[in-house]
Amino acid sequence: MSIFAAVAMSLILFAYIFWPERNPFVQADKTRVDYLLERKDVIYENLRDLSFEFQAGKYPQADYDRQRMSLEDEAALVISEIEALTARGMVGRRQV
């Protein structure tokens, strides 16, 4: 009887853990604004990491300046595109 209970409990736990909540083949559609907001977050994180590594002495000044300017230019492009899209009424699912 205890073996039957253990097998039943194992099957129930297996089903509970691996039961799909929704169709795994259908992905949520991201808008362009959603993608740009995620990209902006990544760029800001890269800027923080670059600053930390420069302060730790891992980059010479010239390399740091070049990479920082490149990331800042990319951030400016992303932000301007986000503003243009939101001005046209395209809004992502995340808070802007």
N, C-alpha and C. Protein backbone atom coordinates (compact mmCIF):
# COMPACT_ATOMS: atom_id res chain seq x y z
N MET A 1 0.82 -1.19 0.00
CA MET A 1 0.00 0.00 0.00
C MET A 1 0.86 1.25 0.00
N SER A 2 1.96 1.25 0.73
CA SER A 2 2.81 2.44 0.79
C SER A 2 3.53 2.68 -0.54
N ILE A 3 3.82 1.62 -1.29
CA ILE A 3 4.44 1.78 -2.60
C ILE A 3 3.45 2.45 -3.55
N PHE A 4 2.18 2.04 -3.48
CA PHE A 4 1.16 2.66 -4.31
C PHE A 4 1.01 4.15 -3.98
N ALA A 5 1.03 4.48 -2.71
CA ALA A 5 0.91 5.87 -2.28
C ALA A 5 2.12 6.68 -2.76
N ALA A 6 3.32 6.09 -2.68
CA ALA A 6 4.52 6.79 -3.13
C ALA A 6 4.50 7.04 -4.64
N VAL A 7 4.07 6.04 -5.39
CA VAL A 7 3.98 6.19 -6.85
C VAL A 7 2.92 7.24 -7.21
N ALA A 8 1.77 7.18 -6.54
CA ALA A 8 0.71 8.15 -6.80
C ALA A 8 1.18 9.56 -6.47
N MET A 9 1.85 9.72 -5.34
CA MET A 9 2.35 11.03 -4.94
C MET A 9 3.39 11.54 -5.93
N SER A 10 4.26 10.66 -6.41
CA SER A 10 5.28 11.03 -7.40
C SER A 10 4.64 11.50 -8.69
N LEU A 11 3.61 10.77 -9.15
CA LEU A 11 2.91 11.17 -10.38
C LEU A 11 2.20 12.50 -10.21
N ILE A 12 1.58 12.71 -9.07
CA ILE A 12 0.90 13.98 -8.81
C ILE A 12 1.90 15.13 -8.78
N LEU A 13 3.02 14.94 -8.11
CA LEU A 13 4.05 15.98 -8.06
C LEU A 13 4.64 16.25 -9.44
N PHE A 14 4.88 15.20 -10.20
CA PHE A 14 5.41 15.36 -11.55
C PHE A 14 4.44 16.17 -12.41
N ALA A 15 3.18 15.82 -12.34
CA ALA A 15 2.17 16.55 -13.13
C ALA A 15 2.06 18.00 -12.68
N TYR A 16 2.12 18.23 -11.38
CA TYR A 16 2.02 19.59 -10.84
C TYR A 16 3.20 20.45 -11.30
N ILE A 17 4.39 19.90 -11.28
CA ILE A 17 5.58 20.65 -11.63
C ILE A 17 5.65 20.92 -13.13
N PHE A 18 5.35 19.95 -13.94
CA PHE A 18 5.57 20.07 -15.37
C PHE A 18 4.30 20.34 -16.19
N TRP A 19 3.16 20.56 -15.55
CA TRP A 19 1.94 20.83 -16.29
C TRP A 19 2.02 22.22 -16.90
N PRO A 20 1.84 22.32 -18.19
CA PRO A 20 1.96 23.65 -18.82
C PRO A 20 0.77 24.53 -18.44
N GLU A 21 1.08 25.78 -18.08
CA GLU A 21 0.02 26.71 -17.70
C GLU A 21 -0.71 27.23 -18.93
N ARG A 22 0.01 27.34 -20.02
CA ARG A 22 -0.59 27.78 -21.27
C ARG A 22 0.17 27.13 -22.41
N ASN A 23 -0.21 27.40 -23.58
CA ASN A 23 0.44 26.80 -24.74
C ASN A 23 1.88 27.29 -24.84
N PRO A 24 2.87 26.40 -24.72
CA PRO A 24 4.26 26.86 -24.74
C PRO A 24 4.74 27.29 -26.13
N PHE A 25 3.96 26.97 -27.16
CA PHE A 25 4.37 27.31 -28.51
C PHE A 25 3.91 28.70 -28.92
N VAL A 26 3.07 29.31 -28.10
CA VAL A 26 2.60 30.65 -28.39
C VAL A 26 3.37 31.61 -27.49
N GLN A 27 4.11 32.52 -28.10
CA GLN A 27 4.87 33.48 -27.33
C GLN A 27 4.15 34.82 -27.34
N ALA A 28 4.38 35.58 -26.30
CA ALA A 28 3.79 36.90 -26.24
C ALA A 28 4.46 37.79 -27.28
N ASP A 29 3.64 38.53 -27.98
CA ASP A 29 4.18 39.43 -29.00
C ASP A 29 4.73 40.68 -28.32
N LYS A 30 5.97 40.99 -28.66
CA LYS A 30 6.58 42.20 -28.15
C LYS A 30 6.42 43.30 -29.18
N THR A 31 6.15 44.47 -28.69
CA THR A 31 6.10 45.61 -29.58
C THR A 31 7.52 46.14 -29.74
N ARG A 32 7.69 47.01 -30.70
CA ARG A 32 9.00 47.64 -30.92
C ARG A 32 9.41 48.45 -29.69
N VAL A 33 8.44 49.07 -29.04
CA VAL A 33 8.73 49.85 -27.83
C VAL A 33 9.23 48.94 -26.72
N ASP A 34 8.62 47.77 -26.57
CA ASP A 34 9.09 46.81 -25.56
C ASP A 34 10.54 46.43 -25.80
N TYR A 35 10.84 46.12 -27.05
CA TYR A 35 12.21 45.76 -27.41
C TYR A 35 13.16 46.91 -27.10
N LEU A 36 12.79 48.12 -27.45
CA LEU A 36 13.67 49.27 -27.22
C LEU A 36 13.86 49.56 -25.73
N LEU A 37 12.81 49.38 -24.94
CA LEU A 37 12.95 49.57 -23.49
C LEU A 37 13.91 48.55 -22.89
N GLU A 38 13.82 47.31 -23.35
CA GLU A 38 14.77 46.30 -22.88
C GLU A 38 16.19 46.64 -23.32
N ARG A 39 16.33 47.11 -24.56
CA ARG A 39 17.65 47.48 -25.08
C ARG A 39 18.23 48.65 -24.29
N LYS A 40 17.40 49.61 -23.93
CA LYS A 40 17.85 50.76 -23.13
C LYS A 40 18.37 50.29 -21.77
N ASP A 41 17.64 49.36 -21.15
CA ASP A 41 18.09 48.83 -19.86
C ASP A 41 19.45 48.14 -19.98
N VAL A 42 19.65 47.39 -21.06
CA VAL A 42 20.92 46.70 -21.28
C VAL A 42 22.05 47.70 -21.49
N ILE A 43 21.78 48.74 -22.24
CA ILE A 43 22.81 49.76 -22.50
C ILE A 43 23.20 50.44 -21.20
N TYR A 44 22.21 50.81 -20.38
CA TYR A 44 22.53 51.45 -19.09
C TYR A 44 23.34 50.52 -18.19
N GLU A 45 22.98 49.25 -18.20
CA GLU A 45 23.74 48.28 -17.40
C GLU A 45 25.18 48.18 -17.91
N ASN A 46 25.34 48.19 -19.24
CA ASN A 46 26.70 48.15 -19.81
C ASN A 46 27.49 49.40 -19.44
N LEU A 47 26.84 50.55 -19.41
CA LEU A 47 27.53 51.78 -18.99
C LEU A 47 27.98 51.70 -17.53
N ARG A 48 27.13 51.16 -16.68
CA ARG A 48 27.51 51.00 -15.27
C ARG A 48 28.69 50.04 -15.13
N ASP A 49 28.63 48.92 -15.86
CA ASP A 49 29.72 47.94 -15.81
C ASP A 49 31.02 48.54 -16.34
N LEU A 50 30.92 49.30 -17.43
CA LEU A 50 32.11 49.93 -18.01
C LEU A 50 32.72 50.91 -17.03
N SER A 51 31.90 51.71 -16.38
CA SER A 51 32.40 52.66 -15.40
C SER A 51 33.08 51.96 -14.23
N PHE A 52 32.46 50.88 -13.75
CA PHE A 52 33.04 50.13 -12.64
C PHE A 52 34.39 49.53 -13.03
N GLU A 53 34.45 48.94 -14.21
CA GLU A 53 35.70 48.32 -14.65
C GLU A 53 36.79 49.36 -14.92
N PHE A 54 36.41 50.54 -15.39
CA PHE A 54 37.39 51.60 -15.58
C PHE A 54 37.95 52.06 -14.23
N GLN A 55 37.07 52.21 -13.25
CA GLN A 55 37.52 52.63 -11.92
C GLN A 55 38.37 51.55 -11.26
N ALA A 56 38.17 50.29 -11.67
CA ALA A 56 38.98 49.19 -11.14
C ALA A 56 40.33 49.10 -11.85
N GLY A 57 40.52 49.91 -12.89
CA GLY A 57 41.80 49.93 -13.59
C GLY A 57 41.92 48.93 -14.73
N LYS A 58 40.80 48.43 -15.22
CA LYS A 58 40.87 47.42 -16.28
C LYS A 58 40.93 48.03 -17.68
N TYR A 59 40.58 49.32 -17.81
CA TYR A 59 40.59 49.98 -19.12
C TYR A 59 41.46 51.23 -19.07
N PRO A 60 42.23 51.48 -20.12
CA PRO A 60 42.91 52.77 -20.22
C PRO A 60 41.90 53.87 -20.56
N GLN A 61 42.27 55.10 -20.30
CA GLN A 61 41.36 56.24 -20.49
C GLN A 61 40.82 56.31 -21.91
N ALA A 62 41.66 56.12 -22.92
CA ALA A 62 41.23 56.25 -24.31
C ALA A 62 40.18 55.20 -24.67
N ASP A 63 40.38 53.95 -24.24
CA ASP A 63 39.41 52.89 -24.52
C ASP A 63 38.10 53.15 -23.79
N TYR A 64 38.21 53.59 -22.56
CA TYR A 64 37.02 53.90 -21.77
C TYR A 64 36.20 55.00 -22.44
N ASP A 65 36.87 56.08 -22.84
CA ASP A 65 36.16 57.18 -23.49
C ASP A 65 35.49 56.75 -24.78
N ARG A 66 36.17 55.95 -25.57
CA ARG A 66 35.62 55.50 -26.85
C ARG A 66 34.40 54.60 -26.63
N GLN A 67 34.50 53.66 -25.71
CA GLN A 67 33.38 52.75 -25.45
C GLN A 67 32.21 53.49 -24.81
N ARG A 68 32.51 54.41 -23.90
CA ARG A 68 31.45 55.18 -23.24
C ARG A 68 30.70 56.03 -24.26
N MET A 69 31.42 56.69 -25.16
CA MET A 69 30.77 57.50 -26.18
C MET A 69 29.92 56.64 -27.11
N SER A 70 30.40 55.46 -27.45
CA SER A 70 29.65 54.56 -28.30
C SER A 70 28.34 54.13 -27.62
N LEU A 71 28.41 53.77 -26.35
CA LEU A 71 27.21 53.36 -25.62
C LEU A 71 26.25 54.53 -25.43
N GLU A 72 26.79 55.71 -25.16
CA GLU A 72 25.93 56.88 -24.99
C GLU A 72 25.23 57.25 -26.30
N ASP A 73 25.94 57.14 -27.42
CA ASP A 73 25.32 57.40 -28.72
C ASP A 73 24.20 56.40 -29.01
N GLU A 74 24.46 55.13 -28.70
CA GLU A 74 23.43 54.11 -28.91
C GLU A 74 22.22 54.36 -28.01
N ALA A 75 22.48 54.76 -26.76
CA ALA A 75 21.38 55.06 -25.84
C ALA A 75 20.55 56.23 -26.35
N ALA A 76 21.21 57.23 -26.89
CA ALA A 76 20.49 58.39 -27.41
C ALA A 76 19.60 58.00 -28.59
N LEU A 77 20.11 57.13 -29.46
CA LEU A 77 19.30 56.67 -30.59
C LEU A 77 18.08 55.88 -30.12
N VAL A 78 18.30 55.01 -29.16
CA VAL A 78 17.20 54.18 -28.64
C VAL A 78 16.16 55.06 -27.97
N ILE A 79 16.59 56.00 -27.16
CA ILE A 79 15.64 56.87 -26.46
C ILE A 79 14.87 57.74 -27.45
N SER A 80 15.55 58.24 -28.47
CA SER A 80 14.83 59.07 -29.45
C SER A 80 13.81 58.23 -30.22
N GLU A 81 14.13 56.99 -30.52
CA GLU A 81 13.16 56.14 -31.20
C GLU A 81 11.98 55.80 -30.29
N ILE A 82 12.25 55.58 -29.01
CA ILE A 82 11.16 55.32 -28.06
C ILE A 82 10.23 56.53 -28.01
N GLU A 83 10.81 57.73 -27.93
CA GLU A 83 9.99 58.94 -27.86
C GLU A 83 9.19 59.14 -29.14
N ALA A 84 9.80 58.84 -30.29
CA ALA A 84 9.08 58.99 -31.56
C ALA A 84 7.91 58.01 -31.64
N LEU A 85 8.14 56.78 -31.21
CA LEU A 85 7.07 55.78 -31.27
C LEU A 85 5.96 56.09 -30.29
N THR A 86 6.30 56.54 -29.09
CA THR A 86 5.25 56.86 -28.11
C THR A 86 4.49 58.11 -28.53
N ALA A 87 5.15 59.04 -29.24
CA ALA A 87 4.45 60.22 -29.74
C ALA A 87 3.42 59.84 -30.80
N ARG A 88 3.68 58.77 -31.54
CA ARG A 88 2.74 58.29 -32.55
C ARG A 88 1.68 57.38 -31.96
N GLY A 89 1.73 57.15 -30.66
CA GLY A 89 0.71 56.36 -30.01
C GLY A 89 1.05 54.89 -29.83
N MET A 90 2.24 54.48 -30.21
CA MET A 90 2.65 53.09 -30.01
C MET A 90 3.21 52.96 -28.60
N VAL A 91 2.57 52.15 -27.81
CA VAL A 91 2.98 51.99 -26.43
C VAL A 91 3.25 50.53 -26.17
N GLY A 92 4.30 50.25 -25.42
CA GLY A 92 4.61 48.88 -25.03
C GLY A 92 3.78 48.45 -23.86
N ARG A 93 3.96 47.23 -23.44
CA ARG A 93 3.23 46.71 -22.29
C ARG A 93 3.85 47.14 -20.98
N ARG A 94 5.16 47.46 -21.02
CA ARG A 94 5.82 47.92 -19.80
C ARG A 94 5.52 49.39 -19.57
N GLN A 95 5.78 49.84 -18.37
CA GLN A 95 5.62 51.26 -18.07
C GLN A 95 6.75 52.03 -18.74
N VAL A 96 6.43 53.11 -19.39
CA VAL A 96 7.44 53.93 -20.08
C VAL A 96 8.04 54.91 -19.15
